[in-house]
Amino acid sequence: MPSAEELYDEAIDCVAAGDLDGAISRYRAAIALDPDYADAWEGLSMALADKELWDEAIAAAHKAVELAPEEELAYTNLSRIYQRAGKVAEAEAWAAKARVLDWKRQLRQGGKEE
């Protein structure tokens, strides 16, 4: 049986090949093995968004944020999904949260960008 990481890697390969259904299936299998796998939740959210399954994509993106609250990219991806779903106010709110995280990171680094 493949590990959660192997299933995640397979999902990325499926996305690259244009097989969103295969990717979604593998992301879900990875999550079944490791429910706290934030990267798998994020990948799942993006694949679901590419299929325009907005409610599911938004729920998965929220889970990614919950699991990785200091990860700026999780907030940015949630914002992008809201924007693509036509929910501009929500998109702007999550984009603002991503910017705050970025500012905090910069302050911790003494104002130097990575």
Protein backbone atom coordinates (compact mmCIF):
# COMPACT_ATOMS: atom_id res chain seq x y z
CA MET A 1 0.00 0.00 0.00
CA PRO A 2 1.43 3.41 -0.93
CA SER A 3 2.18 5.96 1.78
CA ALA A 4 0.41 9.31 2.02
CA GLU A 5 3.51 10.98 0.57
CA GLU A 6 3.62 8.57 -2.38
CA LEU A 7 -0.07 9.17 -3.08
CA TYR A 8 0.55 12.92 -2.89
CA ASP A 9 3.40 12.61 -5.40
CA GLU A 10 1.15 10.54 -7.69
CA ALA A 11 -1.55 13.22 -7.42
CA ILE A 12 0.92 15.89 -8.54
CA ASP A 13 1.86 13.70 -11.51
CA CYS A 14 -1.84 13.36 -12.36
CA VAL A 15 -2.29 17.14 -12.27
CA ALA A 16 0.71 17.55 -14.58
CA ALA A 17 -0.84 15.02 -16.98
CA GLY A 18 -4.19 16.80 -16.91
CA ASP A 19 -5.92 13.99 -15.01
CA LEU A 20 -7.81 15.98 -12.36
CA ASP A 21 -10.05 13.06 -11.39
CA GLY A 22 -6.99 10.89 -10.78
CA ALA A 23 -5.38 13.68 -8.77
CA ILE A 24 -8.48 14.20 -6.64
CA SER A 25 -8.71 10.48 -5.96
CA ARG A 26 -5.06 10.29 -4.88
CA TYR A 27 -5.22 13.45 -2.75
CA ARG A 28 -8.25 12.00 -0.98
CA ALA A 29 -6.47 8.68 -0.47
CA ALA A 30 -3.45 10.50 0.99
CA ILE A 31 -5.74 12.43 3.34
CA ALA A 32 -7.45 9.20 4.39
CA LEU A 33 -4.05 7.90 5.49
CA ASP A 34 -2.98 11.21 7.07
CA PRO A 35 -5.89 13.57 7.83
CA ASP A 36 -3.45 16.29 8.95
CA TYR A 37 -1.52 16.36 5.64
CA ALA A 38 -1.89 20.07 4.88
CA ASP A 39 -0.19 19.91 1.48
CA ALA A 40 -2.61 17.19 0.36
CA TRP A 41 -5.57 19.33 1.47
CA GLU A 42 -4.13 22.27 -0.45
CA GLY A 43 -3.56 20.18 -3.57
CA LEU A 44 -7.06 18.76 -3.29
CA SER A 45 -8.51 22.26 -3.02
CA MET A 46 -6.71 23.39 -6.16
CA ALA A 47 -7.73 20.31 -8.17
CA LEU A 48 -11.36 20.70 -7.08
CA ALA A 49 -11.23 24.38 -8.04
CA ASP A 50 -9.90 23.44 -11.47
CA LYS A 51 -13.05 21.30 -11.85
CA GLU A 52 -15.11 24.27 -10.60
CA LEU A 53 -16.38 22.32 -7.61
CA TRP A 54 -16.35 25.48 -5.57
CA ASP A 55 -17.94 24.39 -2.29
CA GLU A 56 -15.69 21.36 -2.00
CA ALA A 57 -12.63 23.36 -3.05
CA ILE A 58 -13.34 26.08 -0.49
CA ALA A 59 -13.88 23.51 2.28
CA ALA A 60 -10.58 21.77 1.44
CA ALA A 61 -8.73 25.10 1.31
CA HIS A 62 -10.14 26.07 4.71
CA LYS A 63 -8.84 22.76 6.08
CA ALA A 64 -5.38 23.55 4.65
CA VAL A 65 -5.43 26.92 6.43
CA GLU A 66 -6.58 25.26 9.66
CA LEU A 67 -3.72 22.77 9.49
CA ALA A 68 -1.07 25.32 8.47
CA PRO A 69 -2.13 28.64 10.03
CA GLU A 70 1.28 30.25 9.48
CA GLU A 71 1.52 29.23 5.80
CA GLU A 72 0.92 32.30 3.65
CA LEU A 73 0.36 30.23 0.51
CA ALA A 74 -2.61 28.44 2.09
CA TYR A 75 -4.34 31.79 2.62
CA THR A 76 -3.43 32.96 -0.87
CA ASN A 77 -4.83 29.81 -2.47
CA LEU A 78 -8.04 30.14 -0.49
CA SER A 79 -8.31 33.73 -1.70
CA ARG A 80 -7.78 32.62 -5.31
CA ILE A 81 -10.44 29.95 -5.05
CA TYR A 82 -12.94 32.44 -3.62
CA GLN A 83 -12.08 34.85 -6.45
CA ARG A 84 -12.54 32.17 -9.12
CA ALA A 85 -15.87 31.24 -7.51
CA GLY A 86 -17.03 34.85 -7.87
CA LYS A 87 -16.91 35.59 -4.14
CA VAL A 88 -14.87 38.79 -4.29
CA ALA A 89 -15.42 40.02 -0.73
CA GLU A 90 -14.27 36.70 0.72
CA ALA A 91 -11.32 36.63 -1.67
CA GLU A 92 -10.22 40.08 -0.57
CA ALA A 93 -10.52 39.17 3.11
CA TRP A 94 -8.33 36.08 2.74
CA ALA A 95 -5.82 37.97 0.57
CA ALA A 96 -5.52 40.53 3.36
CA LYS A 97 -4.80 37.76 5.85
CA ALA A 98 -2.06 36.45 3.55
CA ARG A 99 -0.51 39.93 3.37
CA VAL A 100 -0.52 40.21 7.17
CA LEU A 101 1.32 36.89 7.43
CA ASP A 102 3.83 38.13 4.86
CA TRP A 103 4.40 41.34 6.83
CA LYS A 104 4.87 39.39 10.04
CA ARG A 105 7.40 37.13 8.32
CA GLN A 106 9.27 40.16 7.02
CA LEU A 107 9.34 41.72 10.48
CA ARG A 108 10.75 38.52 11.96
CA GLN A 109 13.48 38.63 9.32
CA GLY A 110 14.28 42.25 10.01
CA GLY A 111 12.46 43.54 6.93
CA LYS A 112 14.40 41.37 4.46
CA GLU A 113 12.37 39.61 1.78
CA GLU A 114 13.17 36.00 0.95
